[in-house]
Amino acid sequence: MRIDKFLKVSRVIKRRTVANEACDAGRVTINGRPAKASADVKEGDIVEVGFGSGKTRFKVLKVSENVRKEDAGGMYELLGE
């Protein structure tokens, strides 16, 4: 699955266009490497997203095309710095 779509489906970022812009600006990394919006993400990957002055790191647990709002949090596990 593309990283921009994963960020939207998992509700880390609300809109896919915003996720796409974050990737283009270099604020998203997969396993320590900058990720373009079209980069593939798979289970076990470590993703880091920069928000303003902070960063969020998480491990991808599940990749699914359609997820209910209540189940979106189960797609990833937050990691401490």
PDB file of N, CA and C in Angstrom:
ATOM      1  N   MET A   1       0.845  -1.176   0.000  1.00  0.00           N
ATOM      2  CA  MET A   1       0.000   0.000   0.000  1.00  0.00           C
ATOM      3  C   MET A   1       0.889   1.238   0.000  1.00  0.00           C
ATOM      4  N   ARG A   2       0.466   2.258  -0.692  1.00  0.00           N
ATOM      5  CA  ARG A   2       1.201   3.525  -0.715  1.00  0.00           C
ATOM      6  C   ARG A   2       1.174   4.170   0.668  1.00  0.00           C
ATOM      7  N   ILE A   3       2.260   4.861   1.020  1.00  0.00           N
ATOM      8  CA  ILE A   3       2.348   5.475   2.342  1.00  0.00           C
ATOM      9  C   ILE A   3       1.308   6.570   2.528  1.00  0.00           C
ATOM     10  N   ASP A   4       1.016   7.358   1.489  1.00  0.00           N
ATOM     11  CA  ASP A   4       0.022   8.419   1.659  1.00  0.00           C
ATOM     12  C   ASP A   4      -1.358   7.825   1.947  1.00  0.00           C
ATOM     13  N   LYS A   5      -1.694   6.736   1.301  1.00  0.00           N
ATOM     14  CA  LYS A   5      -2.989   6.090   1.552  1.00  0.00           C
ATOM     15  C   LYS A   5      -3.011   5.449   2.934  1.00  0.00           C
ATOM     16  N   PHE A   6      -1.901   4.845   3.356  1.00  0.00           N
ATOM     17  CA  PHE A   6      -1.846   4.238   4.687  1.00  0.00           C
ATOM     18  C   PHE A   6      -2.058   5.288   5.775  1.00  0.00           C
ATOM     19  N   LEU A   7      -1.395   6.438   5.637  1.00  0.00           N
ATOM     20  CA  LEU A   7      -1.541   7.496   6.641  1.00  0.00           C
ATOM     21  C   LEU A   7      -2.980   7.970   6.745  1.00  0.00           C
ATOM     22  N   LYS A   8      -3.695   8.006   5.623  1.00  0.00           N
ATOM     23  CA  LYS A   8      -5.093   8.423   5.616  1.00  0.00           C
ATOM     24  C   LYS A   8      -5.997   7.339   6.193  1.00  0.00           C
ATOM     25  N   VAL A   9      -5.835   6.086   5.738  1.00  0.00           N
ATOM     26  CA  VAL A   9      -6.697   4.988   6.204  1.00  0.00           C
ATOM     27  C   VAL A   9      -6.510   4.746   7.693  1.00  0.00           C
ATOM     28  N   SER A  10      -5.280   4.841   8.186  1.00  0.00           N
ATOM     29  CA  SER A  10      -5.009   4.619   9.608  1.00  0.00           C
ATOM     30  C   SER A  10      -5.345   5.848  10.449  1.00  0.00           C
ATOM     31  N   ARG A  11      -5.712   6.924   9.795  1.00  0.00           N
ATOM     32  CA  ARG A  11      -6.111   8.177  10.433  1.00  0.00           C
ATOM     33  C   ARG A  11      -4.987   8.847  11.233  1.00  0.00           C
ATOM     34  N   VAL A  12      -3.742   8.611  10.816  1.00  0.00           N
ATOM     35  CA  VAL A  12      -2.617   9.362  11.369  1.00  0.00           C
ATOM     36  C   VAL A  12      -2.699  10.786  10.835  1.00  0.00           C
ATOM     37  N   ILE A  13      -3.053  10.916   9.545  1.00  0.00           N
ATOM     38  CA  ILE A  13      -3.300  12.203   8.902  1.00  0.00           C
ATOM     39  C   ILE A  13      -4.705  12.140   8.313  1.00  0.00           C
ATOM     40  N   LYS A  14      -5.472  13.207   8.468  1.00  0.00           N
ATOM     41  CA  LYS A  14      -6.891  13.167   8.100  1.00  0.00           C
ATOM     42  C   LYS A  14      -7.171  13.063   6.609  1.00  0.00           C
ATOM     43  N   ARG A  15      -6.372  13.724   5.798  1.00  0.00           N
ATOM     44  CA  ARG A  15      -6.652  13.739   4.356  1.00  0.00           C
ATOM     45  C   ARG A  15      -5.454  13.231   3.568  1.00  0.00           C
ATOM     46  N   ARG A  16      -5.747  12.541   2.480  1.00  0.00           N
ATOM     47  CA  ARG A  16      -4.671  11.980   1.658  1.00  0.00           C
ATOM     48  C   ARG A  16      -3.837  13.078   1.011  1.00  0.00           C
ATOM     49  N   THR A  17      -4.473  14.185   0.631  1.00  0.00           N
ATOM     50  CA  THR A  17      -3.710  15.276   0.021  1.00  0.00           C
ATOM     51  C   THR A  17      -2.712  15.860   1.018  1.00  0.00           C
ATOM     52  N   VAL A  18      -3.109  15.943   2.284  1.00  0.00           N
ATOM     53  CA  VAL A  18      -2.197  16.448   3.320  1.00  0.00           C
ATOM     54  C   VAL A  18      -1.055  15.454   3.524  1.00  0.00           C
ATOM     55  N   ALA A  19      -1.363  14.157   3.503  1.00  0.00           N
ATOM     56  CA  ALA A  19      -0.330  13.129   3.627  1.00  0.00           C
ATOM     57  C   ALA A  19       0.638  13.209   2.446  1.00  0.00           C
ATOM     58  N   ASN A  20       0.096  13.443   1.255  1.00  0.00           N
ATOM     59  CA  ASN A  20       0.906  13.569   0.050  1.00  0.00           C
ATOM     60  C   ASN A  20       1.855  14.765   0.174  1.00  0.00           C
ATOM     61  N   GLU A  21       1.343  15.893   0.659  1.00  0.00           N
ATOM     62  CA  GLU A  21       2.165  17.090   0.835  1.00  0.00           C
ATOM     63  C   GLU A  21       3.252  16.871   1.887  1.00  0.00           C
ATOM     64  N   ALA A  22       2.932  16.139   2.953  1.00  0.00           N
ATOM     65  CA  ALA A  22       3.928  15.854   3.992  1.00  0.00           C
ATOM     66  C   ALA A  22       5.069  15.018   3.415  1.00  0.00           C
ATOM     67  N   CYS A  23       4.738  14.061   2.565  1.00  0.00           N
ATOM     68  CA  CYS A  23       5.768  13.234   1.917  1.00  0.00           C
ATOM     69  C   CYS A  23       6.633  14.087   0.988  1.00  0.00           C
ATOM     70  N   ASP A  24       5.993  14.940   0.202  1.00  0.00           N
ATOM     71  CA  ASP A  24       6.726  15.801  -0.724  1.00  0.00           C
ATOM     72  C   ASP A  24       7.664  16.759   0.006  1.00  0.00           C
ATOM     73  N   ALA A  25       7.283  17.172   1.216  1.00  0.00           N
ATOM     74  CA  ALA A  25       8.093  18.106   1.999  1.00  0.00           C
ATOM     75  C   ALA A  25       9.207  17.394   2.757  1.00  0.00           C
ATOM     76  N   GLY A  26       9.256  16.052   2.680  1.00  0.00           N
ATOM     77  CA  GLY A  26      10.316  15.310   3.350  1.00  0.00           C
ATOM     78  C   GLY A  26      10.080  15.080   4.824  1.00  0.00           C
ATOM     79  N   ARG A  27       8.838  15.175   5.279  1.00  0.00           N
ATOM     80  CA  ARG A  27       8.530  15.000   6.699  1.00  0.00           C
ATOM     81  C   ARG A  27       8.140  13.567   7.058  1.00  0.00           C
ATOM     82  N   VAL A  28       8.174  12.655   6.084  1.00  0.00           N
ATOM     83  CA  VAL A  28       7.816  11.257   6.331  1.00  0.00           C
ATOM     84  C   VAL A  28       8.995  10.369   5.970  1.00  0.00           C
ATOM     85  N   THR A  29       9.362   9.455   6.889  1.00  0.00           N
ATOM     86  CA  THR A  29      10.416   8.491   6.609  1.00  0.00           C
ATOM     87  C   THR A  29       9.903   7.080   6.879  1.00  0.00           C
ATOM     88  N   ILE A  30      10.404   6.125   6.104  1.00  0.00           N
ATOM     89  CA  ILE A  30      10.111   4.715   6.317  1.00  0.00           C
ATOM     90  C   ILE A  30      11.442   4.024   6.565  1.00  0.00           C
ATOM     91  N   ASN A  31      11.574   3.411   7.729  1.00  0.00           N
ATOM     92  CA  ASN A  31      12.819   2.731   8.122  1.00  0.00           C
ATOM     93  C   ASN A  31      14.037   3.648   7.981  1.00  0.00           C
ATOM     94  N   GLY A  32      13.862   4.915   8.352  1.00  0.00           N
ATOM     95  CA  GLY A  32      14.969   5.863   8.358  1.00  0.00           C
ATOM     96  C   GLY A  32      15.281   6.528   7.033  1.00  0.00           C
ATOM     97  N   ARG A  33      14.556   6.182   5.963  1.00  0.00           N
ATOM     98  CA  ARG A  33      14.803   6.793   4.657  1.00  0.00           C
ATOM     99  C   ARG A  33      13.621   7.668   4.257  1.00  0.00           C
ATOM    100  N   PRO A  34      13.887   8.854   3.698  1.00  0.00           N
ATOM    101  CA  PRO A  34      12.778   9.714   3.251  1.00  0.00           C
ATOM    102  C   PRO A  34      11.868   8.969   2.282  1.00  0.00           C
ATOM    103  N   ALA A  35      10.555   9.178   2.430  1.00  0.00           N
ATOM    104  CA  ALA A  35       9.585   8.438   1.622  1.00  0.00           C
ATOM    105  C   ALA A  35       8.797   9.383   0.725  1.00  0.00           C
ATOM    106  N   LYS A  36       8.691   9.011  -0.539  1.00  0.00           N
ATOM    107  CA  LYS A  36       7.787   9.715  -1.436  1.00  0.00           C
ATOM    108  C   LYS A  36       6.379   9.188  -1.176  1.00  0.00           C
ATOM    109  N   ALA A  37       5.376   9.909  -1.651  1.00  0.00           N
ATOM    110  CA  ALA A  37       3.986   9.508  -1.429  1.00  0.00           C
ATOM    111  C   ALA A  37       3.675   8.142  -2.028  1.00  0.00           C
ATOM    112  N   SER A  38       4.394   7.758  -3.067  1.00  0.00           N
ATOM    113  CA  SER A  38       4.123   6.490  -3.739  1.00  0.00           C
ATOM    114  C   SER A  38       4.904   5.318  -3.140  1.00  0.00           C
ATOM    115  N   ALA A  39       5.709   5.557  -2.104  1.00  0.00           N
ATOM    116  CA  ALA A  39       6.509   4.489  -1.507  1.00  0.00           C
ATOM    117  C   ALA A  39       5.610   3.446  -0.859  1.00  0.00           C
ATOM    118  N   ASP A  40       5.987   2.179  -1.014  1.00  0.00           N
ATOM    119  CA  ASP A  40       5.207   1.095  -0.426  1.00  0.00           C
ATOM    120  C   ASP A  40       5.529   0.951   1.052  1.00  0.00           C
ATOM    121  N   VAL A  41       4.478   0.678   1.833  1.00  0.00           N
ATOM    122  CA  VAL A  41       4.638   0.400   3.252  1.00  0.00           C
ATOM    123  C   VAL A  41       4.095  -1.005   3.498  1.00  0.00           C
ATOM    124  N   LYS A  42       4.785  -1.744   4.375  1.00  0.00           N
ATOM    125  CA  LYS A  42       4.347  -3.104   4.672  1.00  0.00           C
ATOM    126  C   LYS A  42       4.437  -3.339   6.177  1.00  0.00           C
ATOM    127  N   GLU A  43       3.867  -4.443   6.621  1.00  0.00           N
ATOM    128  CA  GLU A  43       3.876  -4.765   8.041  1.00  0.00           C
ATOM    129  C   GLU A  43       5.307  -4.872   8.548  1.00  0.00           C
ATOM    130  N   GLY A  44       5.551  -4.297   9.719  1.00  0.00           N
ATOM    131  CA  GLY A  44       6.878  -4.323  10.314  1.00  0.00           C
ATOM    132  C   GLY A  44       7.711  -3.083  10.050  1.00  0.00           C
ATOM    133  N   ASP A  45       7.289  -2.239   9.117  1.00  0.00           N
ATOM    134  CA  ASP A  45       8.028  -1.006   8.821  1.00  0.00           C
ATOM    135  C   ASP A  45       7.903  -0.009   9.971  1.00  0.00           C
ATOM    136  N   ILE A  46       8.958   0.768  10.174  1.00  0.00           N
ATOM    137  CA  ILE A  46       8.943   1.855  11.159  1.00  0.00           C
ATOM    138  C   ILE A  46       8.781   3.158  10.384  1.00  0.00           C
ATOM    139  N   VAL A  47       7.709   3.885  10.690  1.00  0.00           N
ATOM    140  CA  VAL A  47       7.400   5.132   9.984  1.00  0.00           C
ATOM    141  C   VAL A  47       7.527   6.283  10.970  1.00  0.00           C
ATOM    142  N   GLU A  48       8.104   7.385  10.504  1.00  0.00           N
ATOM    143  CA  GLU A  48       8.220   8.596  11.317  1.00  0.00           C
ATOM    144  C   GLU A  48       7.608   9.754  10.545  1.00  0.00           C
ATOM    145  N   VAL A  49       6.715  10.485  11.205  1.00  0.00           N
ATOM    146  CA  VAL A  49       6.029  11.610  10.581  1.00  0.00           C
ATOM    147  C   VAL A  49       6.284  12.852  11.416  1.00  0.00           C
ATOM    148  N   GLY A  50       6.750  13.929  10.765  1.00  0.00           N
ATOM    149  CA  GLY A  50       6.997  15.189  11.458  1.00  0.00           C
ATOM    150  C   GLY A  50       5.768  16.079  11.424  1.00  0.00           C
ATOM    151  N   PHE A  51       5.336  16.504  12.609  1.00  0.00           N
ATOM    152  CA  PHE A  51       4.204  17.426  12.752  1.00  0.00           C
ATOM    153  C   PHE A  51       4.701  18.683  13.429  1.00  0.00           C
ATOM    154  N   GLY A  52       4.755  19.789  12.725  1.00  0.00           N
ATOM    155  CA  GLY A  52       5.193  21.041  13.342  1.00  0.00           C
ATOM    156  C   GLY A  52       6.558  20.873  13.992  1.00  0.00           C
ATOM    157  N   SER A  53       6.613  20.982  15.327  1.00  0.00           N
ATOM    158  CA  SER A  53       7.890  20.856  16.027  1.00  0.00           C
ATOM    159  C   SER A  53       8.101  19.459  16.596  1.00  0.00           C
ATOM    160  N   GLY A  54       7.098  18.581  16.496  1.00  0.00           N
ATOM    161  CA  GLY A  54       7.225  17.238  17.057  1.00  0.00           C
ATOM    162  C   GLY A  54       7.261  16.167  15.988  1.00  0.00           C
ATOM    163  N   LYS A  55       7.563  14.950  16.423  1.00  0.00           N
ATOM    164  CA  LYS A  55       7.598  13.813  15.510  1.00  0.00           C
ATOM    165  C   LYS A  55       6.844  12.649  16.147  1.00  0.00           C
ATOM    166  N   THR A  56       6.243  11.839  15.297  1.00  0.00           N
ATOM    167  CA  THR A  56       5.550  10.641  15.741  1.00  0.00           C
ATOM    168  C   THR A  56       6.176   9.440  15.056  1.00  0.00           C
ATOM    169  N   ARG A  57       6.592   8.450  15.858  1.00  0.00           N
ATOM    170  CA  ARG A  57       7.152   7.206  15.309  1.00  0.00           C
ATOM    171  C   ARG A  57       6.195   6.075  15.619  1.00  0.00           C
ATOM    172  N   PHE A  58       5.980   5.222  14.634  1.00  0.00           N
ATOM    173  CA  PHE A  58       5.131   4.058  14.871  1.00  0.00           C
ATOM    174  C   PHE A  58       5.540   2.899  13.993  1.00  0.00           C
ATOM    175  N   LYS A  59       5.153   1.707  14.444  1.00  0.00           N
ATOM    176  CA  LYS A  59       5.420   0.470  13.708  1.00  0.00           C
ATOM    177  C   LYS A  59       4.120   0.027  13.049  1.00  0.00           C
ATOM    178  N   VAL A  60       4.195  -0.314  11.774  1.00  0.00           N
ATOM    179  CA  VAL A  60       3.022  -0.765  11.031  1.00  0.00           C
ATOM    180  C   VAL A  60       2.707  -2.199  11.446  1.00  0.00           C
ATOM    181  N   LEU A  61       1.496  -2.422  11.961  1.00  0.00           N
ATOM    182  CA  LEU A  61       1.083  -3.756  12.386  1.00  0.00           C
ATOM    183  C   LEU A  61       0.221  -4.456  11.343  1.00  0.00           C
ATOM    184  N   LYS A  62      -0.598  -3.677  10.638  1.00  0.00           N
ATOM    185  CA  LYS A  62      -1.532  -4.263   9.684  1.00  0.00           C
ATOM    186  C   LYS A  62      -1.743  -3.292   8.537  1.00  0.00           C
ATOM    187  N   VAL A  63      -1.816  -3.824   7.317  1.00  0.00           N
ATOM    188  CA  VAL A  63      -2.095  -3.013   6.138  1.00  0.00           C
ATOM    189  C   VAL A  63      -3.417  -3.496   5.573  1.00  0.00           C
ATOM    190  N   SER A  64      -4.398  -2.585   5.505  1.00  0.00           N
ATOM    191  CA  SER A  64      -5.722  -2.941   5.012  1.00  0.00           C
ATOM    192  C   SER A  64      -6.294  -1.765   4.240  1.00  0.00           C
ATOM    193  N   GLU A  65      -6.989  -2.067   3.134  1.00  0.00           N
ATOM    194  CA  GLU A  65      -7.547  -1.019   2.277  1.00  0.00           C
ATOM    195  C   GLU A  65      -8.668  -0.237   2.963  1.00  0.00           C
ATOM    196  N   ASN A  66      -9.548  -0.948   3.647  1.00  0.00           N
ATOM    197  CA  ASN A  66     -10.700  -0.313   4.297  1.00  0.00           C
ATOM    198  C   ASN A  66     -10.744  -0.712   5.763  1.00  0.00           C
ATOM    199  N   VAL A  67     -10.822   0.289   6.636  1.00  0.00           N
ATOM    200  CA  VAL A  67     -10.844   0.039   8.070  1.00  0.00           C
ATOM    201  C   VAL A  67     -11.884   0.953   8.700  1.00  0.00           C
ATOM    202  N   ARG A  68     -12.647   0.394   9.645  1.00  0.00           N
ATOM    203  CA  ARG A  68     -13.604   1.223  10.372  1.00  0.00           C
ATOM    204  C   ARG A  68     -12.858   2.177  11.294  1.00  0.00           C
ATOM    205  N   LYS A  69     -13.476   3.290  11.590  1.00  0.00           N
ATOM    206  CA  LYS A  69     -12.855   4.318  12.421  1.00  0.00           C
ATOM    207  C   LYS A  69     -12.385   3.755  13.765  1.00  0.00           C
ATOM    208  N   GLU A  70     -13.183   2.876  14.356  1.00  0.00           N
ATOM    209  CA  GLU A  70     -12.850   2.310  15.665  1.00  0.00           C
ATOM    210  C   GLU A  70     -11.627   1.390  15.604  1.00  0.00           C
ATOM    211  N   ASP A  71     -11.374   0.787  14.441  1.00  0.00           N
ATOM    212  CA  ASP A  71     -10.286  -0.171  14.301  1.00  0.00           C
ATOM    213  C   ASP A  71      -9.006   0.443  13.729  1.00  0.00           C
ATOM    214  N   ALA A  72      -9.034   1.718  13.382  1.00  0.00           N
ATOM    215  CA  ALA A  72      -7.884   2.363  12.730  1.00  0.00           C
ATOM    216  C   ALA A  72      -6.644   2.361  13.624  1.00  0.00           C
ATOM    217  N   GLY A  73      -6.822   2.503  14.926  1.00  0.00           N
ATOM    218  CA  GLY A  73      -5.684   2.532  15.844  1.00  0.00           C
ATOM    219  C   GLY A  73      -4.944   1.209  15.912  1.00  0.00           C
ATOM    220  N   GLY A  74      -5.574   0.123  15.508  1.00  0.00           N
ATOM    221  CA  GLY A  74      -4.944  -1.186  15.535  1.00  0.00           C
ATOM    222  C   GLY A  74      -4.021  -1.446  14.353  1.00  0.00           C
ATOM    223  N   MET A  75      -3.936  -0.486  13.440  1.00  0.00           N
ATOM    224  CA  MET A  75      -3.080  -0.652  12.272  1.00  0.00           C
ATOM    225  C   MET A  75      -1.619  -0.322  12.578  1.00  0.00           C
ATOM    226  N   TYR A  76      -1.371   0.346  13.706  1.00  0.00           N
ATOM    227  CA  TYR A  76      -0.010   0.739  14.054  1.00  0.00           C
ATOM    228  C   TYR A  76       0.175   0.746  15.556  1.00  0.00           C
ATOM    229  N   GLU A  77       1.449   0.733  15.979  1.00  0.00           N
ATOM    230  CA  GLU A  77       1.806   0.782  17.387  1.00  0.00           C
ATOM    231  C   GLU A  77       2.771   1.940  17.586  1.00  0.00           C
ATOM    232  N   LEU A  78       2.418   2.877  18.459  1.00  0.00           N
ATOM    233  CA  LEU A  78       3.296   4.022  18.719  1.00  0.00           C
ATOM    234  C   LEU A  78       4.570   3.574  19.426  1.00  0.00           C
ATOM    235  N   LEU A  79       5.682   4.169  19.041  1.00  0.00           N
ATOM    236  CA  LEU A  79       6.980   3.853  19.626  1.00  0.00           C
ATOM    237  C   LEU A  79       7.510   5.075  20.359  1.00  0.00           C
ATOM    238  N   GLY A  80       8.195   4.848  21.463  1.00  0.00           N
ATOM    239  CA  GLY A  80       8.819   5.938  22.202  1.00  0.00           C
ATOM    240  C   GLY A  80      10.122   6.354  21.543  1.00  0.00           C
ATOM    241  N   GLU A  81      10.579   7.540  21.848  1.00  0.00           N
ATOM    242  CA  GLU A  81      11.820   8.054  21.241  1.00  0.00           C
ATOM    243  C   GLU A  81      12.996   7.374  21.839  1.00  0.00           C
TER     244      GLU A  81
END
